[in-house]
């Protein structure tokens, strides 16, 4: 185990302010086999803090990135239809906006299972992906996508550039928050981008997390929780300039940030950047105010969910859950929920089926297996795609089943 990081991972300020303590938990994507159940799980404290100098929110470090992003990493992007549609639309938008063609190069960092680059291939745009986890890298290769199976940073970015894979567009979806050395990671984009190249980054927006009580987006694999102002500051220090920003609806409200090399980029900085920075200041992200009550709000979600599940138990109702994802593991472990209150968790990913949730040890089953037991209530753990899941699970309405979501507040609905 590594000693926790004591200084801000960007500006190295030593005096960070903790504001959310979720106790101890195993890594959220470390699913267990039947054989694992008889062994002690490795757990780490799950605490986040804010830097009073650069206002980067970050998780305390207790283990290396290889602990969380192992060769058998179980998160595959292609199991969400809405996310695939998002990726396909993104490729079309970027192709048109930046005039990408067969003479261009798209490089995706954290390419996962090829969920996005498959659409670049459909358009005959040269592309390659960087993906350090063997399980997802192999899935991408089966789609015919060139994958570099390493962690990304300045050294790899420069190597790829030297090999003739300089990028006209780099894509980094839901990875900027997952890197322990955020400065080196950003320098990698400065190194790999062609002079007029554009880098886009998507990540959950800290403002939305605080505003809507999304504490379940906190887990060990998320090293940082990002605002535009913090990202702009980090980029500037490492050779990139933000020139545009959009909001996207995923993960409870995310940002898509557009950046260019500070030394060669020619895009004007658009009003969207100024407006969003102003919104963050107005909300108080550069003060202690929005962080002060977050612990209490998270605790209320936990208490309300446990009370609801115990009431269901007393009434003889069977409760299952859907979505063996990191969000759910954070909630279950913080609340101390196990198989006594939720019988099974269904998931569409075959790689997770037959395993057990880390910490809670709730068995993971297929959708058909869960539906065959006709549960009275289904807890939707990935609330950010609630509507998609309710459609998938619509048969439970045939026997009067209902849905439960816990974040941002407890809801029971048909």
Protein backbone atom coordinates (compact mmCIF):
# COMPACT_ATOMS: atom_id res chain seq x y z
CA UNK A 1 0.00 0.00 0.00
CA UNK A 2 1.22 3.49 -0.77
CA UNK A 3 1.10 6.22 1.82
CA UNK A 4 -1.67 8.68 1.10
CA UNK A 5 -0.83 11.78 -0.86
CA UNK A 6 -0.53 14.72 1.52
CA UNK A 7 -0.23 17.52 -1.04
CA UNK A 8 -2.56 18.69 -3.81
CA UNK A 9 -1.94 16.59 -6.89
CA UNK A 10 -1.82 19.71 -9.07
CA UNK A 11 -0.38 22.68 -7.16
CA UNK A 12 1.20 20.71 -4.26
CA UNK A 13 -0.51 22.79 -1.57
CA UNK A 14 0.01 20.81 1.69
CA UNK A 15 -3.09 21.90 3.62
CA UNK A 16 -6.09 20.21 2.03
CA UNK A 17 -9.57 20.37 3.59
CA UNK A 18 -11.47 17.03 3.92
CA UNK A 19 -15.23 17.35 3.42
CA UNK A 20 -16.61 13.86 2.72
CA UNK A 21 -15.70 10.65 4.53
CA UNK A 22 -17.41 7.51 3.20
CA UNK A 23 -15.59 5.15 5.55
CA UNK A 24 -13.57 2.26 4.16
CA UNK A 25 -14.43 0.27 1.04
CA UNK A 26 -12.85 -2.11 -1.46
CA UNK A 27 -12.10 -0.80 -4.98
CA UNK A 28 -15.49 -0.39 -6.63
CA UNK A 29 -14.73 -2.50 -9.70
CA UNK A 30 -13.03 -5.37 -7.84
CA UNK A 31 -15.79 -7.94 -8.26
CA UNK A 32 -15.45 -11.20 -6.36
CA UNK A 33 -15.61 -14.83 -7.42
CA UNK A 34 -17.14 -17.55 -5.24
CA UNK A 35 -13.63 -18.51 -4.12
CA UNK A 36 -12.86 -14.90 -3.11
CA UNK A 37 -15.70 -14.81 -0.60
CA UNK A 38 -13.72 -16.79 1.95
CA UNK A 39 -10.83 -14.34 1.92
CA UNK A 40 -10.45 -10.93 3.49
CA UNK A 41 -11.03 -8.08 1.04
CA UNK A 42 -8.52 -5.29 0.74
CA UNK A 43 -10.20 -2.01 1.65
CA UNK A 44 -9.07 1.60 1.66
CA UNK A 45 -10.41 4.77 3.28
CA UNK A 46 -12.64 6.73 0.92
CA UNK A 47 -12.19 10.41 1.72
CA UNK A 48 -12.27 13.45 -0.54
CA UNK A 49 -10.84 16.88 0.14
CA UNK A 50 -10.54 20.25 -1.54
CA UNK A 51 -7.43 22.30 -2.15
CA UNK A 52 -7.92 25.86 -0.82
CA UNK A 53 -5.37 27.20 -3.30
CA UNK A 54 -6.39 25.81 -6.73
CA UNK A 55 -9.78 24.35 -5.61
CA UNK A 56 -9.11 20.93 -7.10
CA UNK A 57 -11.26 18.35 -5.30
CA UNK A 58 -9.46 15.03 -4.92
CA UNK A 59 -9.54 11.64 -3.27
CA UNK A 60 -6.90 10.80 -0.70
CA UNK A 61 -4.43 8.31 -2.21
CA UNK A 62 -3.89 4.95 -0.56
CA UNK A 63 -3.01 2.64 -3.48
CA UNK A 64 -1.48 2.70 -6.95
CA UNK A 65 -3.52 3.09 -10.14
CA UNK A 66 -2.67 -0.53 -11.09
CA UNK A 67 -4.71 -1.64 -8.07
CA UNK A 68 -7.84 -0.07 -9.53
CA UNK A 69 -7.22 -0.52 -13.27
CA UNK A 70 -6.10 -4.14 -13.46
CA UNK A 71 -5.82 -6.42 -16.49
CA UNK A 72 -9.29 -7.89 -15.79
CA UNK A 73 -11.03 -4.52 -15.33
CA UNK A 74 -14.75 -5.19 -15.64
CA UNK A 75 -16.20 -1.90 -16.91
CA UNK A 76 -17.13 -2.15 -20.60
CA UNK A 77 -18.59 0.99 -22.17
CA UNK A 78 -20.54 -0.77 -24.92
CA UNK A 79 -23.21 -2.18 -22.56
CA UNK A 80 -25.05 1.17 -22.46
CA UNK A 81 -27.10 1.90 -25.58
CA UNK A 82 -27.38 5.58 -24.70
CA UNK A 83 -23.61 5.86 -24.32
CA UNK A 84 -23.05 4.25 -27.72
CA UNK A 85 -25.47 6.72 -29.27
CA UNK A 86 -23.59 9.53 -27.55
CA UNK A 87 -20.28 8.27 -28.96
CA UNK A 88 -21.63 7.94 -32.48
CA UNK A 89 -23.10 11.43 -32.38
CA UNK A 90 -19.83 12.82 -31.01
CA UNK A 91 -17.80 11.38 -33.90
CA UNK A 92 -20.19 12.93 -36.41
CA UNK A 93 -20.10 16.34 -34.71
CA UNK A 94 -16.31 16.42 -34.45
CA UNK A 95 -15.87 15.19 -38.02
CA UNK A 96 -17.98 18.07 -39.32
CA UNK A 97 -16.67 20.77 -36.98
CA UNK A 98 -12.97 20.05 -37.48
CA UNK A 99 -13.12 18.71 -41.07
CA UNK A 100 -11.72 15.29 -40.23
CA UNK A 101 -11.15 12.83 -43.08
CA UNK A 102 -8.95 9.95 -44.22
CA UNK A 103 -5.89 12.18 -43.84
CA UNK A 104 -6.62 12.91 -40.17
CA UNK A 105 -5.77 11.01 -37.00
CA UNK A 106 -8.02 10.51 -33.99
CA UNK A 107 -6.44 9.20 -30.80
CA UNK A 108 -8.66 8.20 -27.90
CA UNK A 109 -7.19 7.96 -24.42
CA UNK A 110 -8.96 5.32 -22.31
CA UNK A 111 -10.48 3.80 -25.44
CA UNK A 112 -12.05 1.01 -23.35
CA UNK A 113 -13.69 -1.61 -25.60
CA UNK A 114 -13.69 0.49 -28.77
CA UNK A 115 -17.16 1.90 -28.11
CA UNK A 116 -16.24 5.23 -29.81
CA UNK A 117 -13.43 4.55 -32.25
CA UNK A 118 -15.58 1.99 -34.07
CA UNK A 119 -17.52 4.96 -35.43
CA UNK A 120 -14.32 6.66 -36.61
CA UNK A 121 -13.47 3.47 -38.48
CA UNK A 122 -16.92 3.50 -40.09
CA UNK A 123 -16.02 6.91 -41.53
CA UNK A 124 -12.59 5.70 -42.66
CA UNK A 125 -10.82 8.15 -40.36
CA UNK A 126 -7.47 6.74 -39.16
CA UNK A 127 -7.52 6.18 -35.42
CA UNK A 128 -5.86 4.45 -32.53
CA UNK A 129 -6.65 4.02 -28.86
CA UNK A 130 -4.66 4.00 -25.65
CA UNK A 131 -6.10 1.59 -23.08
CA UNK A 132 -4.16 0.07 -20.16
CA UNK A 133 -6.63 -2.65 -19.13
CA UNK A 134 -6.20 -5.92 -21.03
CA UNK A 135 -9.83 -7.00 -20.80
CA UNK A 136 -11.20 -3.94 -22.58
CA UNK A 137 -8.20 -3.54 -24.90
CA UNK A 138 -8.79 -7.06 -26.22
CA UNK A 139 -12.45 -6.25 -26.85
CA UNK A 140 -11.43 -3.17 -28.86
CA UNK A 141 -8.92 -5.15 -30.90
CA UNK A 142 -11.71 -7.57 -31.86
CA UNK A 143 -13.39 -4.56 -33.49
CA UNK A 144 -10.25 -4.02 -35.58
CA UNK A 145 -9.03 -1.02 -33.58
CA UNK A 146 -5.32 -0.37 -33.06
CA UNK A 147 -4.72 -0.27 -29.29
CA UNK A 148 -1.64 0.76 -27.31
CA UNK A 149 -1.97 -1.08 -24.00
CA UNK A 150 -0.34 1.40 -21.63
CA UNK A 151 -1.12 4.22 -19.23
CA UNK A 152 -0.97 7.63 -20.93
CA UNK A 153 1.25 10.55 -20.05
CA UNK A 154 3.84 12.92 -21.48
CA UNK A 155 6.33 10.19 -22.39
CA UNK A 156 3.82 8.06 -24.28
CA UNK A 157 2.29 11.10 -25.98
CA UNK A 158 5.68 12.13 -27.32
CA UNK A 159 6.49 8.56 -28.39
CA UNK A 160 3.25 8.26 -30.37
CA UNK A 161 3.92 11.64 -32.01
CA UNK A 162 7.41 10.50 -32.98
CA UNK A 163 5.94 7.32 -34.46
CA UNK A 164 3.77 9.35 -36.83
CA UNK A 165 0.59 9.18 -34.77
CA UNK A 166 0.31 12.86 -33.97
CA UNK A 167 -3.35 13.67 -33.35
CA UNK A 168 -5.70 16.07 -35.09
CA UNK A 169 -8.28 15.13 -32.46
CA UNK A 170 -7.78 13.47 -29.11
CA UNK A 171 -10.71 12.09 -27.16
CA UNK A 172 -10.66 11.61 -23.39
CA UNK A 173 -14.07 10.61 -22.05
CA UNK A 174 -14.39 9.99 -18.32
CA UNK A 175 -10.66 9.55 -17.77
CA UNK A 176 -9.33 12.95 -16.67
CA UNK A 177 -10.76 12.28 -13.21
CA UNK A 178 -9.15 8.82 -13.14
CA UNK A 179 -5.47 9.77 -13.28
CA UNK A 180 -3.25 10.15 -10.20
CA UNK A 181 -0.68 12.41 -11.90
CA UNK A 182 -2.97 14.88 -13.62
CA UNK A 183 -0.14 17.21 -14.65
CA UNK A 184 1.80 14.51 -16.51
CA UNK A 185 -1.42 13.24 -18.08
CA UNK A 186 -2.33 16.66 -19.50
CA UNK A 187 1.23 17.16 -20.77
CA UNK A 188 0.68 14.02 -22.81
CA UNK A 189 -1.98 15.81 -24.86
CA UNK A 190 0.27 18.79 -25.43
CA UNK A 191 2.90 16.33 -26.69
CA UNK A 192 0.70 14.26 -29.01
CA UNK A 193 -1.41 17.03 -30.59
CA UNK A 194 -0.52 18.30 -34.03
CA UNK A 195 -0.06 22.11 -34.15
CA UNK A 196 -3.73 22.78 -34.96
CA UNK A 197 -5.03 19.69 -33.19
CA UNK A 198 -7.94 19.74 -30.74
CA UNK A 199 -8.34 17.80 -27.52
CA UNK A 200 -11.76 17.11 -26.00
CA UNK A 201 -12.38 15.90 -22.47
CA UNK A 202 -15.64 14.80 -20.90
CA UNK A 203 -16.01 14.44 -17.14
CA UNK A 204 -18.71 14.76 -14.47
CA UNK A 205 -19.05 18.39 -13.39
CA UNK A 206 -18.21 19.11 -9.75
CA UNK A 207 -20.89 21.79 -9.64
CA UNK A 208 -23.58 19.20 -10.49
CA UNK A 209 -22.15 16.73 -7.98
CA UNK A 210 -22.43 19.26 -5.17
CA UNK A 211 -25.72 20.76 -6.29
CA UNK A 212 -27.51 17.41 -6.65
CA UNK A 213 -25.92 15.40 -3.84
CA UNK A 214 -24.17 12.96 -6.18
CA UNK A 215 -21.83 11.57 -3.53
CA UNK A 216 -21.97 8.13 -5.16
CA UNK A 217 -19.71 9.40 -7.94
CA UNK A 218 -16.97 9.23 -5.31
CA UNK A 219 -14.83 6.09 -5.47
CA UNK A 220 -11.16 5.24 -5.36
CA UNK A 221 -10.75 5.17 -9.14
CA UNK A 222 -11.86 8.81 -9.25
CA UNK A 223 -8.76 10.69 -8.17
CA UNK A 224 -10.21 14.12 -9.00
CA UNK A 225 -13.63 15.82 -9.10
CA UNK A 226 -13.46 18.55 -11.66
CA UNK A 227 -14.73 22.06 -12.20
CA UNK A 228 -14.01 24.07 -15.34
CA UNK A 229 -11.99 26.58 -13.34
CA UNK A 230 -9.71 23.88 -11.90
CA UNK A 231 -9.34 22.24 -15.33
CA UNK A 232 -8.56 25.55 -17.00
CA UNK A 233 -5.84 26.21 -14.41
CA UNK A 234 -4.34 22.71 -14.78
CA UNK A 235 -4.39 22.91 -18.58
CA UNK A 236 -2.74 26.33 -18.65
CA UNK A 237 0.09 25.08 -16.44
CA UNK A 238 0.70 22.16 -18.79
CA UNK A 239 0.52 23.74 -22.24
CA UNK A 240 -3.18 23.66 -23.17
CA UNK A 241 -5.78 26.42 -23.55
CA UNK A 242 -9.53 25.84 -23.11
CA UNK A 243 -11.48 27.49 -25.94
CA UNK A 244 -14.98 26.02 -25.69
CA UNK A 245 -17.18 24.03 -23.33
CA UNK A 246 -20.51 22.24 -23.67
CA UNK A 247 -22.70 20.51 -21.11
CA UNK A 248 -23.71 16.90 -21.73
CA UNK A 249 -26.33 14.93 -19.78
CA UNK A 250 -24.28 11.91 -18.76
CA UNK A 251 -23.23 10.91 -15.23
CA UNK A 252 -25.61 13.39 -13.68
CA UNK A 253 -24.32 16.33 -15.70
CA UNK A 254 -20.94 16.43 -17.43
CA UNK A 255 -18.78 18.93 -19.27
CA UNK A 256 -17.22 18.52 -22.68
CA UNK A 257 -14.17 20.76 -22.71
CA UNK A 258 -12.35 21.70 -25.92
CA UNK A 259 -8.66 22.57 -25.69
CA UNK A 260 -5.78 23.40 -28.01
CA UNK A 261 -2.05 23.75 -27.70
CA UNK A 262 -1.26 27.10 -26.12
CA UNK A 263 1.69 27.66 -28.45
CA UNK A 264 0.08 26.89 -31.80
CA UNK A 265 -3.73 26.71 -31.47
CA UNK A 266 -5.74 29.32 -33.34
CA UNK A 267 -9.30 28.86 -32.04
CA UNK A 268 -10.86 31.89 -30.35
CA UNK A 269 -11.97 31.48 -26.75
CA UNK A 270 -15.77 31.35 -26.93
CA UNK A 271 -18.29 33.02 -24.58
CA UNK A 272 -19.36 29.59 -23.27
CA UNK A 273 -16.10 29.39 -21.30
CA UNK A 274 -16.58 32.78 -19.66
CA UNK A 275 -20.22 32.03 -18.81
CA UNK A 276 -19.53 28.69 -17.16
CA UNK A 277 -16.63 30.06 -15.14
CA UNK A 278 -18.99 32.78 -13.94
CA UNK A 279 -21.61 30.16 -12.98
CA UNK A 280 -19.06 28.28 -10.89
CA UNK A 281 -18.02 31.43 -9.05
CA UNK A 282 -21.67 32.31 -8.39
CA UNK A 283 -22.27 28.85 -6.90
CA UNK A 284 -19.31 29.34 -4.59
CA UNK A 285 -16.90 26.69 -5.83
CA UNK A 286 -14.00 28.92 -4.78
CA UNK A 287 -15.18 29.02 -1.17
CA UNK A 288 -15.83 26.46 1.55
CA UNK A 289 -19.60 27.06 1.51
CA UNK A 290 -20.82 24.36 -0.93
CA UNK A 291 -18.63 21.69 0.64
CA UNK A 292 -19.63 22.24 4.25
CA UNK A 293 -22.93 20.28 4.33
CA UNK A 294 -22.09 17.55 1.83
CA UNK A 295 -21.37 14.89 4.48
CA UNK A 296 -24.75 15.43 6.13
CA UNK A 297 -26.58 15.24 2.81
CA UNK A 298 -24.82 12.00 1.86
CA UNK A 299 -25.68 10.49 5.24
CA UNK A 300 -29.37 11.30 4.75
CA UNK A 301 -29.43 9.38 1.45
CA UNK A 302 -27.83 6.40 3.18
CA UNK A 303 -30.24 6.49 6.13
CA UNK A 304 -33.32 6.89 3.93
CA UNK A 305 -32.35 3.98 1.66
CA UNK A 306 -31.66 1.63 4.58
CA UNK A 307 -34.97 2.57 6.20
CA UNK A 308 -36.81 1.91 2.93
CA UNK A 309 -35.19 -1.50 2.45
CA UNK A 310 -35.90 -2.54 6.03
CA UNK A 311 -39.54 -1.55 5.59
CA UNK A 312 -39.70 -3.70 2.45
CA UNK A 313 -38.18 -6.58 4.41
CA UNK A 314 -40.76 -6.20 7.19
CA UNK A 315 -43.54 -6.23 4.60
CA UNK A 316 -42.20 -9.41 2.99
CA UNK A 317 -41.28 -7.69 -0.29
CA UNK A 318 -38.41 -9.06 -2.35
CA UNK A 319 -35.93 -6.38 -3.36
CA UNK A 320 -33.40 -6.75 -6.17
CA UNK A 321 -31.17 -4.14 -7.79
CA UNK A 322 -29.93 -3.36 -11.26
CA UNK A 323 -26.50 -2.12 -12.33
CA UNK A 324 -23.35 -3.60 -10.81
CA UNK A 325 -21.50 -0.34 -11.31
CA UNK A 326 -19.16 1.81 -9.24
CA UNK A 327 -21.92 4.23 -8.21
CA UNK A 328 -23.92 1.44 -6.66
CA UNK A 329 -20.96 -0.01 -4.83
CA UNK A 330 -20.26 3.35 -3.21
CA UNK A 331 -23.83 3.62 -1.94
CA UNK A 332 -24.12 0.00 -0.78
CA UNK A 333 -20.85 0.04 1.11
CA UNK A 334 -21.38 3.45 2.70
CA UNK A 335 -24.86 2.38 3.85
CA UNK A 336 -23.74 -1.09 4.98
CA UNK A 337 -26.28 -2.84 2.74
CA UNK A 338 -25.76 -6.52 1.92
CA UNK A 339 -27.69 -9.55 0.64
CA UNK A 340 -30.00 -9.48 3.67
CA UNK A 341 -31.72 -6.41 2.20
CA UNK A 342 -31.06 -6.79 -1.58
CA UNK A 343 -31.19 -10.36 -2.88
CA UNK A 344 -29.34 -9.94 -6.20
CA UNK A 345 -27.97 -7.28 -8.52
CA UNK A 346 -28.69 -7.79 -12.22
CA UNK A 347 -26.26 -6.55 -14.84
CA UNK A 348 -26.14 -6.81 -18.63
CA UNK A 349 -22.38 -7.41 -18.69
CA UNK A 350 -21.62 -11.17 -18.82
CA UNK A 351 -18.16 -10.48 -17.33
CA UNK A 352 -19.84 -9.50 -14.05
CA UNK A 353 -22.52 -12.19 -13.94
CA UNK A 354 -21.74 -15.02 -11.55
CA UNK A 355 -19.57 -12.76 -9.41
CA UNK A 356 -20.32 -10.81 -6.25
CA UNK A 357 -20.39 -7.10 -5.47
CA UNK A 358 -17.27 -5.90 -3.64
CA UNK A 359 -17.92 -5.22 0.02
CA UNK A 360 -21.62 -6.09 0.10
CA UNK A 361 -21.12 -9.58 -1.46
CA UNK A 362 -24.50 -9.41 -3.20
CA UNK A 363 -24.58 -11.94 -6.08
CA UNK A 364 -24.61 -10.55 -9.63
CA UNK A 365 -26.98 -12.25 -12.06
CA UNK A 366 -28.32 -11.83 -15.57
CA UNK A 367 -31.36 -9.69 -16.29
CA UNK A 368 -33.44 -12.78 -17.11
CA UNK A 369 -32.47 -14.45 -13.85
CA UNK A 370 -33.49 -11.42 -11.84
CA UNK A 371 -36.81 -10.98 -13.68
CA UNK A 372 -37.65 -14.67 -13.26
CA UNK A 373 -37.81 -14.16 -9.49
CA UNK A 374 -40.40 -11.39 -9.96
CA UNK A 375 -38.98 -8.91 -7.45
CA UNK A 376 -41.42 -6.47 -5.86
CA UNK A 377 -38.90 -3.61 -5.88
CA UNK A 378 -35.80 -2.95 -7.99
CA UNK A 379 -33.21 -0.45 -6.82
CA UNK A 380 -31.73 1.33 -9.85
CA UNK A 381 -28.13 1.94 -8.82
CA UNK A 382 -26.95 3.80 -11.98
CA UNK A 383 -29.58 6.53 -11.53
CA UNK A 384 -27.93 8.57 -14.32
CA UNK A 385 -29.44 6.20 -16.92
CA UNK A 386 -32.64 5.57 -14.96
CA UNK A 387 -35.01 5.99 -17.91
CA UNK A 388 -33.05 3.54 -20.06
CA UNK A 389 -33.08 0.99 -17.23
CA UNK A 390 -36.80 1.44 -16.48
CA UNK A 391 -37.54 0.66 -20.11
CA UNK A 392 -35.32 -2.42 -19.94
CA UNK A 393 -37.04 -3.59 -16.77
CA UNK A 394 -40.59 -2.69 -17.80
CA UNK A 395 -41.85 -6.30 -17.29
CA UNK A 396 -41.80 -5.79 -13.51
CA UNK A 397 -44.84 -3.57 -13.87
CA UNK A 398 -46.81 -6.68 -14.93
CA UNK A 399 -46.78 -7.94 -11.34
CA UNK A 400 -46.96 -4.54 -9.67
CA UNK A 401 -43.23 -4.10 -9.17
CA UNK A 402 -41.81 -0.64 -8.55
CA UNK A 403 -38.48 1.14 -8.89
CA UNK A 404 -36.36 2.71 -6.15
CA UNK A 405 -33.65 5.33 -6.65
CA UNK A 406 -31.65 6.80 -3.78
CA UNK A 407 -29.73 9.72 -5.32
CA UNK A 408 -30.17 12.66 -5.10
CA UNK A 409 -33.03 11.67 -2.78
CA UNK A 410 -35.11 8.59 -2.19
CA UNK A 411 -37.85 7.97 -4.77
CA UNK A 412 -40.21 5.02 -5.30
CA UNK A 413 -42.02 5.02 -8.60
CA UNK A 414 -43.71 2.81 -11.17
